[in-house]
Amino acid sequence: MEKRVSGSDYLWCALYAAAGFAFELILVQLERLIGWDISTFTASQNIIHWCITTAAWILVGFIVIRIGEKTTHFDIWQRRPNMAAWQYAMIAVCFAVNIVSKYLDWNGFKIAVEWESQGPMLFWFQYAYYLAEAFLISLVIVYGQKACETWFGAAGIPYGGILLALVWGLPHILSKGDIATGLLAAFAGFLFGAAYLFVNKDYRRALPIIALLFIV
């Protein structure tokens, strides 16, 4: 008999994607062995670090999708119903809330601040790195949402965003050493999860929207 797909099967996929973030922590430790300190990276060291992390995260993301297809038969690329006018409005609200919260946190528009601080060359490499991170973020949301819907129903609750807040947002408290940063990241994770619902859980729409919400 064919194995019945459970919420745990989806949750494992979400956790695999979340575990992908740990690659950068491992990379940092390896870099220390060769005398690199992330706090004093040169421009070339930053670029190498971002390129390796970006490639690894993209690879992990596609491996997770493949695992999800084999273990759950869930087609992440399946088209969903078209969005209603109110849903477009809610996506606009998500962007407005996201931009305002980041403006207050960064004391300016995040992209402008990073363009000025990094310079054009580093900026583009860093934003490629951000896009790869957004890819993993989106997978935590999608599979976390499927896991909790399988267990609890109530498809209108942003379970994926809640899970992302827990496994990606709050850990920023430890990685950044700042409670406010962690809480803001957790809020962002919840917001990304809500946006996923507003696009009718259509990953083709959700991926670019989540990526834009993450980087702007």
C-alpha atoms as a PDB file:
ATOM      1  CA  MET A   1       0.000   0.000   0.000  1.00  0.00           C
ATOM      2  CA  GLU A   2       1.160   3.527  -0.727  1.00  0.00           C
ATOM      3  CA  LYS A   3       2.319   5.390   2.366  1.00  0.00           C
ATOM      4  CA  ARG A   4      -0.135   7.991   3.615  1.00  0.00           C
ATOM      5  CA  VAL A   5       1.391  11.459   3.596  1.00  0.00           C
ATOM      6  CA  SER A   6       1.352  13.059   7.047  1.00  0.00           C
ATOM      7  CA  GLY A   7       2.021  16.518   8.374  1.00  0.00           C
ATOM      8  CA  SER A   8       5.400  15.271   9.566  1.00  0.00           C
ATOM      9  CA  ASP A   9       6.463  14.593   5.983  1.00  0.00           C
ATOM     10  CA  TYR A  10       5.866  18.237   5.100  1.00  0.00           C
ATOM     11  CA  LEU A  11       7.407  19.475   8.333  1.00  0.00           C
ATOM     12  CA  TRP A  12      10.633  17.596   7.622  1.00  0.00           C
ATOM     13  CA  CYS A  13      10.907  19.438   4.308  1.00  0.00           C
ATOM     14  CA  ALA A  14      10.431  22.770   6.085  1.00  0.00           C
ATOM     15  CA  LEU A  15      13.068  21.838   8.652  1.00  0.00           C
ATOM     16  CA  TYR A  16      15.501  20.696   5.947  1.00  0.00           C
ATOM     17  CA  ALA A  17      15.159  24.123   4.355  1.00  0.00           C
ATOM     18  CA  ALA A  18      15.652  25.797   7.736  1.00  0.00           C
ATOM     19  CA  ALA A  19      18.720  23.653   8.368  1.00  0.00           C
ATOM     20  CA  GLY A  20      20.188  25.040   5.162  1.00  0.00           C
ATOM     21  CA  PHE A  21      20.728  28.351   6.948  1.00  0.00           C
ATOM     22  CA  ALA A  22      23.210  26.586   9.226  1.00  0.00           C
ATOM     23  CA  PHE A  23      25.559  26.102   6.268  1.00  0.00           C
ATOM     24  CA  GLU A  24      26.742  29.673   6.662  1.00  0.00           C
ATOM     25  CA  LEU A  25      27.608  29.061  10.325  1.00  0.00           C
ATOM     26  CA  ILE A  26      29.681  26.060   9.307  1.00  0.00           C
ATOM     27  CA  LEU A  27      31.339  28.078   6.552  1.00  0.00           C
ATOM     28  CA  VAL A  28      32.269  30.825   9.026  1.00  0.00           C
ATOM     29  CA  GLN A  29      33.991  28.258  11.241  1.00  0.00           C
ATOM     30  CA  LEU A  30      35.909  26.850   8.267  1.00  0.00           C
ATOM     31  CA  GLU A  31      36.943  30.359   7.267  1.00  0.00           C
ATOM     32  CA  ARG A  32      38.335  30.940  10.748  1.00  0.00           C
ATOM     33  CA  LEU A  33      40.598  27.932  10.275  1.00  0.00           C
ATOM     34  CA  ILE A  34      42.303  29.724   7.386  1.00  0.00           C
ATOM     35  CA  GLY A  35      42.544  32.980   9.308  1.00  0.00           C
ATOM     36  CA  TRP A  36      39.469  34.786   8.002  1.00  0.00           C
ATOM     37  CA  ASP A  37      37.347  36.737  10.470  1.00  0.00           C
ATOM     38  CA  ILE A  38      33.850  37.646   9.268  1.00  0.00           C
ATOM     39  CA  SER A  39      33.985  40.891  11.251  1.00  0.00           C
ATOM     40  CA  THR A  40      37.038  42.076   9.289  1.00  0.00           C
ATOM     41  CA  PHE A  41      36.397  40.604   5.836  1.00  0.00           C
ATOM     42  CA  THR A  42      38.018  42.311   2.893  1.00  0.00           C
ATOM     43  CA  ALA A  43      35.878  42.969  -0.182  1.00  0.00           C
ATOM     44  CA  SER A  44      37.181  39.851  -1.933  1.00  0.00           C
ATOM     45  CA  GLN A  45      36.614  37.699   1.162  1.00  0.00           C
ATOM     46  CA  ASN A  46      33.049  38.981   1.421  1.00  0.00           C
ATOM     47  CA  ILE A  47      32.396  38.126  -2.224  1.00  0.00           C
ATOM     48  CA  ILE A  48      33.839  34.622  -1.869  1.00  0.00           C
ATOM     49  CA  HIS A  49      31.794  34.034   1.297  1.00  0.00           C
ATOM     50  CA  TRP A  50      28.573  35.235  -0.332  1.00  0.00           C
ATOM     51  CA  CYS A  51      29.153  33.242  -3.529  1.00  0.00           C
ATOM     52  CA  ILE A  52      29.775  29.984  -1.669  1.00  0.00           C
ATOM     53  CA  THR A  53      26.789  30.527   0.630  1.00  0.00           C
ATOM     54  CA  THR A  54      24.531  31.531  -2.269  1.00  0.00           C
ATOM     55  CA  ALA A  55      25.429  28.439  -4.290  1.00  0.00           C
ATOM     56  CA  ALA A  56      24.946  26.161  -1.266  1.00  0.00           C
ATOM     57  CA  TRP A  57      21.570  27.651  -0.355  1.00  0.00           C
ATOM     58  CA  ILE A  58      20.256  27.349  -3.902  1.00  0.00           C
ATOM     59  CA  LEU A  59      21.433  23.732  -4.052  1.00  0.00           C
ATOM     60  CA  VAL A  60      19.793  22.965  -0.691  1.00  0.00           C
ATOM     61  CA  GLY A  61      16.570  24.582  -1.868  1.00  0.00           C
ATOM     62  CA  PHE A  62      16.272  22.425  -4.966  1.00  0.00           C
ATOM     63  CA  ILE A  63      17.195  19.326  -2.982  1.00  0.00           C
ATOM     64  CA  VAL A  64      14.375  20.134  -0.544  1.00  0.00           C
ATOM     65  CA  ILE A  65      11.901  20.542  -3.415  1.00  0.00           C
ATOM     66  CA  ARG A  66      13.020  17.203  -4.818  1.00  0.00           C
ATOM     67  CA  ILE A  67      12.646  15.518  -1.429  1.00  0.00           C
ATOM     68  CA  GLY A  68       9.208  17.081  -1.087  1.00  0.00           C
ATOM     69  CA  GLU A  69       8.127  15.733  -4.463  1.00  0.00           C
ATOM     70  CA  LYS A  70       9.310  12.205  -3.630  1.00  0.00           C
ATOM     71  CA  THR A  71       7.989  11.997  -0.059  1.00  0.00           C
ATOM     72  CA  THR A  72       4.733  13.958  -0.302  1.00  0.00           C
ATOM     73  CA  HIS A  73       3.963  14.110  -4.061  1.00  0.00           C
ATOM     74  CA  PHE A  74       3.224  17.797  -3.473  1.00  0.00           C
ATOM     75  CA  ASP A  75       3.687  19.868  -6.628  1.00  0.00           C
ATOM     76  CA  ILE A  76       5.063  23.122  -5.299  1.00  0.00           C
ATOM     77  CA  TRP A  77       4.745  24.728  -8.749  1.00  0.00           C
ATOM     78  CA  GLN A  78       1.027  23.980  -9.140  1.00  0.00           C
ATOM     79  CA  ARG A  79      -0.994  26.925 -10.383  1.00  0.00           C
ATOM     80  CA  ARG A  80      -3.626  28.298  -8.018  1.00  0.00           C
ATOM     81  CA  PRO A  81      -6.784  30.389  -8.585  1.00  0.00           C
ATOM     82  CA  ASN A  82      -6.367  33.986  -9.666  1.00  0.00           C
ATOM     83  CA  MET A  83      -6.206  36.622  -6.963  1.00  0.00           C
ATOM     84  CA  ALA A  84      -9.127  38.893  -6.104  1.00  0.00           C
ATOM     85  CA  ALA A  85      -8.783  42.667  -5.849  1.00  0.00           C
ATOM     86  CA  TRP A  86      -8.701  42.581  -2.033  1.00  0.00           C
ATOM     87  CA  GLN A  87      -5.774  40.174  -2.136  1.00  0.00           C
ATOM     88  CA  TYR A  88      -3.731  42.547  -4.295  1.00  0.00           C
ATOM     89  CA  ALA A  89      -4.590  45.264  -1.793  1.00  0.00           C
ATOM     90  CA  MET A  90      -3.388  43.113   1.099  1.00  0.00           C
ATOM     91  CA  ILE A  91      -0.101  42.394  -0.689  1.00  0.00           C
ATOM     92  CA  ALA A  92       0.323  46.173  -1.045  1.00  0.00           C
ATOM     93  CA  VAL A  93      -0.328  46.501   2.698  1.00  0.00           C
ATOM     94  CA  CYS A  94       2.328  43.850   3.386  1.00  0.00           C
ATOM     95  CA  PHE A  95       4.858  45.846   1.359  1.00  0.00           C
ATOM     96  CA  ALA A  96       3.900  49.091   3.093  1.00  0.00           C
ATOM     97  CA  VAL A  97       4.231  47.586   6.580  1.00  0.00           C
ATOM     98  CA  ASN A  98       7.489  45.894   5.618  1.00  0.00           C
ATOM     99  CA  ILE A  99       9.055  49.049   4.170  1.00  0.00           C
ATOM    100  CA  VAL A 100       8.006  51.247   7.105  1.00  0.00           C
ATOM    101  CA  SER A 101       9.290  48.794   9.717  1.00  0.00           C
ATOM    102  CA  LYS A 102      12.621  48.432   7.926  1.00  0.00           C
ATOM    103  CA  TYR A 103      12.904  52.189   7.401  1.00  0.00           C
ATOM    104  CA  LEU A 104      12.582  52.698  11.155  1.00  0.00           C
ATOM    105  CA  ASP A 105      15.056  49.894  11.893  1.00  0.00           C
ATOM    106  CA  TRP A 106      17.657  51.016   9.341  1.00  0.00           C
ATOM    107  CA  ASN A 107      17.116  54.774   9.737  1.00  0.00           C
ATOM    108  CA  GLY A 108      16.461  54.945   6.011  1.00  0.00           C
ATOM    109  CA  PHE A 109      15.535  52.745   3.088  1.00  0.00           C
ATOM    110  CA  LYS A 110      17.425  49.466   3.436  1.00  0.00           C
ATOM    111  CA  ILE A 111      18.474  49.235  -0.213  1.00  0.00           C
ATOM    112  CA  ALA A 112      19.721  52.832  -0.258  1.00  0.00           C
ATOM    113  CA  VAL A 113      21.627  52.389   2.995  1.00  0.00           C
ATOM    114  CA  GLU A 114      23.330  49.212   1.772  1.00  0.00           C
ATOM    115  CA  TRP A 115      24.099  50.671  -1.656  1.00  0.00           C
ATOM    116  CA  GLU A 116      25.847  53.577   0.036  1.00  0.00           C
ATOM    117  CA  SER A 117      27.688  51.461   2.608  1.00  0.00           C
ATOM    118  CA  GLN A 118      28.715  48.563   0.355  1.00  0.00           C
ATOM    119  CA  GLY A 119      29.280  50.211  -2.986  1.00  0.00           C
ATOM    120  CA  PRO A 120      27.989  48.855  -6.314  1.00  0.00           C
ATOM    121  CA  MET A 121      30.143  45.719  -6.600  1.00  0.00           C
ATOM    122  CA  LEU A 122      29.578  44.359  -3.089  1.00  0.00           C
ATOM    123  CA  PHE A 123      25.918  45.407  -3.228  1.00  0.00           C
ATOM    124  CA  TRP A 124      25.084  43.089  -6.137  1.00  0.00           C
ATOM    125  CA  PHE A 125      26.863  40.101  -4.645  1.00  0.00           C
ATOM    126  CA  GLN A 126      25.151  40.679  -1.312  1.00  0.00           C
ATOM    127  CA  TYR A 127      21.735  40.894  -2.920  1.00  0.00           C
ATOM    128  CA  ALA A 128      22.305  37.658  -4.823  1.00  0.00           C
ATOM    129  CA  TYR A 129      23.028  36.168  -1.399  1.00  0.00           C
ATOM    130  CA  TYR A 130      19.777  37.695  -0.081  1.00  0.00           C
ATOM    131  CA  LEU A 131      17.794  36.156  -2.948  1.00  0.00           C
ATOM    132  CA  ALA A 132      19.192  32.714  -2.141  1.00  0.00           C
ATOM    133  CA  GLU A 133      18.208  33.222   1.502  1.00  0.00           C
ATOM    134  CA  ALA A 134      14.721  34.277   0.401  1.00  0.00           C
ATOM    135  CA  PHE A 135      14.477  31.024  -1.586  1.00  0.00           C
ATOM    136  CA  LEU A 136      15.027  28.958   1.570  1.00  0.00           C
ATOM    137  CA  ILE A 137      12.694  31.238   3.540  1.00  0.00           C
ATOM    138  CA  SER A 138       9.929  30.612   1.013  1.00  0.00           C
ATOM    139  CA  LEU A 139      10.352  26.836   1.321  1.00  0.00           C
ATOM    140  CA  VAL A 140      10.067  26.937   5.110  1.00  0.00           C
ATOM    141  CA  ILE A 141       6.798  28.823   4.654  1.00  0.00           C
ATOM    142  CA  VAL A 142       5.348  26.525   1.980  1.00  0.00           C
ATOM    143  CA  TYR A 143       6.125  23.215   3.654  1.00  0.00           C
ATOM    144  CA  GLY A 144       5.409  24.543   7.141  1.00  0.00           C
ATOM    145  CA  GLN A 145       2.011  25.708   5.922  1.00  0.00           C
ATOM    146  CA  LYS A 146       1.254  22.298   4.389  1.00  0.00           C
ATOM    147  CA  ALA A 147       2.356  20.487   7.553  1.00  0.00           C
ATOM    148  CA  CYS A 148       0.103  22.445   9.879  1.00  0.00           C
ATOM    149  CA  GLU A 149      -2.855  22.438   7.497  1.00  0.00           C
ATOM    150  CA  THR A 150      -2.565  18.650   7.335  1.00  0.00           C
ATOM    151  CA  TRP A 151      -2.587  18.443  11.119  1.00  0.00           C
ATOM    152  CA  PHE A 152      -4.975  21.221  12.104  1.00  0.00           C
ATOM    153  CA  GLY A 153      -6.933  22.372   9.046  1.00  0.00           C
ATOM    154  CA  ALA A 154      -7.875  26.077   9.237  1.00  0.00           C
ATOM    155  CA  ALA A 155      -6.131  26.977   5.971  1.00  0.00           C
ATOM    156  CA  GLY A 156      -6.511  30.708   6.619  1.00  0.00           C
ATOM    157  CA  ILE A 157      -3.917  30.778   9.410  1.00  0.00           C
ATOM    158  CA  PRO A 158      -0.344  31.670   8.307  1.00  0.00           C
ATOM    159  CA  TYR A 159       1.236  28.609   9.885  1.00  0.00           C
ATOM    160  CA  GLY A 160       4.231  28.827   7.560  1.00  0.00           C
ATOM    161  CA  GLY A 161       4.959  32.359   8.705  1.00  0.00           C
ATOM    162  CA  ILE A 162       4.670  31.327  12.340  1.00  0.00           C
ATOM    163  CA  LEU A 163       7.115  28.458  11.813  1.00  0.00           C
ATOM    164  CA  LEU A 164       9.506  30.775   9.971  1.00  0.00           C
ATOM    165  CA  ALA A 165       9.316  33.251  12.848  1.00  0.00           C
ATOM    166  CA  LEU A 166      10.326  30.474  15.236  1.00  0.00           C
ATOM    167  CA  VAL A 167      13.109  28.776  13.266  1.00  0.00           C
ATOM    168  CA  TRP A 168      14.541  31.771  11.368  1.00  0.00           C
ATOM    169  CA  GLY A 169      13.294  34.977  12.981  1.00  0.00           C
ATOM    170  CA  LEU A 170      13.873  34.444  16.694  1.00  0.00           C
ATOM    171  CA  PRO A 171      17.304  32.783  16.216  1.00  0.00           C
ATOM    172  CA  HIS A 172      18.483  36.218  15.038  1.00  0.00           C
ATOM    173  CA  ILE A 173      18.541  37.080  18.741  1.00  0.00           C
ATOM    174  CA  LEU A 174      21.484  34.686  19.114  1.00  0.00           C
ATOM    175  CA  SER A 175      23.156  35.283  15.752  1.00  0.00           C
ATOM    176  CA  LYS A 176      22.922  39.087  15.973  1.00  0.00           C
ATOM    177  CA  GLY A 177      23.054  39.382  19.751  1.00  0.00           C
ATOM    178  CA  ASP A 178      20.071  41.707  19.841  1.00  0.00           C
ATOM    179  CA  ILE A 179      16.513  40.985  21.018  1.00  0.00           C
ATOM    180  CA  ALA A 180      14.934  43.744  18.931  1.00  0.00           C
ATOM    181  CA  THR A 181      16.548  42.395  15.755  1.00  0.00           C
ATOM    182  CA  GLY A 182      15.215  38.923  16.507  1.00  0.00           C
ATOM    183  CA  LEU A 183      11.703  40.158  17.188  1.00  0.00           C
ATOM    184  CA  LEU A 184      11.709  42.236  14.012  1.00  0.00           C
ATOM    185  CA  ALA A 185      12.900  39.227  11.991  1.00  0.00           C
ATOM    186  CA  ALA A 186      10.185  37.078  13.583  1.00  0.00           C
ATOM    187  CA  PHE A 187       7.578  39.677  12.640  1.00  0.00           C
ATOM    188  CA  ALA A 188       8.943  39.719   9.083  1.00  0.00           C
ATOM    189  CA  GLY A 189       8.662  35.928   8.936  1.00  0.00           C
ATOM    190  CA  PHE A 190       5.011  36.120   9.966  1.00  0.00           C
ATOM    191  CA  LEU A 191       4.405  38.838   7.354  1.00  0.00           C
ATOM    192  CA  PHE A 192       5.978  36.698   4.604  1.00  0.00           C
ATOM    193  CA  GLY A 193       3.723  33.815   5.629  1.00  0.00           C
ATOM    194  CA  ALA A 194       0.654  36.032   5.421  1.00  0.00           C
ATOM    195  CA  ALA A 195       1.684  37.161   1.930  1.00  0.00           C
ATOM    196  CA  TYR A 196       1.857  33.507   0.881  1.00  0.00           C
ATOM    197  CA  LEU A 197      -1.802  33.097   1.825  1.00  0.00           C
ATOM    198  CA  PHE A 198      -2.802  36.291   0.025  1.00  0.00           C
ATOM    199  CA  VAL A 199      -1.476  34.893  -3.285  1.00  0.00           C
ATOM    200  CA  ASN A 200      -3.654  31.775  -2.806  1.00  0.00           C
ATOM    201  CA  LYS A 201      -0.568  29.739  -1.898  1.00  0.00           C
ATOM    202  CA  ASP A 202       0.643  29.929  -5.487  1.00  0.00           C
ATOM    203  CA  TYR A 203       4.408  29.469  -5.214  1.00  0.00           C
ATOM    204  CA  ARG A 204       4.969  30.959  -8.663  1.00  0.00           C
ATOM    205  CA  ARG A 205       3.609  34.240  -7.317  1.00  0.00           C
ATOM    206  CA  ALA A 206       4.804  33.833  -3.753  1.00  0.00           C
ATOM    207  CA  LEU A 207       8.520  33.328  -4.473  1.00  0.00           C
ATOM    208  CA  PRO A 208       9.152  36.721  -6.148  1.00  0.00           C
ATOM    209  CA  ILE A 209       6.885  38.515  -3.664  1.00  0.00           C
ATOM    210  CA  ILE A 210       8.597  36.979  -0.635  1.00  0.00           C
ATOM    211  CA  ALA A 211      11.990  37.740  -2.184  1.00  0.00           C
ATOM    212  CA  LEU A 212      11.032  41.390  -2.723  1.00  0.00           C
ATOM    213  CA  LEU A 213       9.606  41.697   0.771  1.00  0.00           C
ATOM    214  CA  PHE A 214      12.851  40.301   2.139  1.00  0.00           C
ATOM    215  CA  ILE A 215      15.221  42.545   0.228  1.00  0.00           C
ATOM    216  CA  VAL A 216      13.417  45.924   0.168  1.00  0.00           C
END
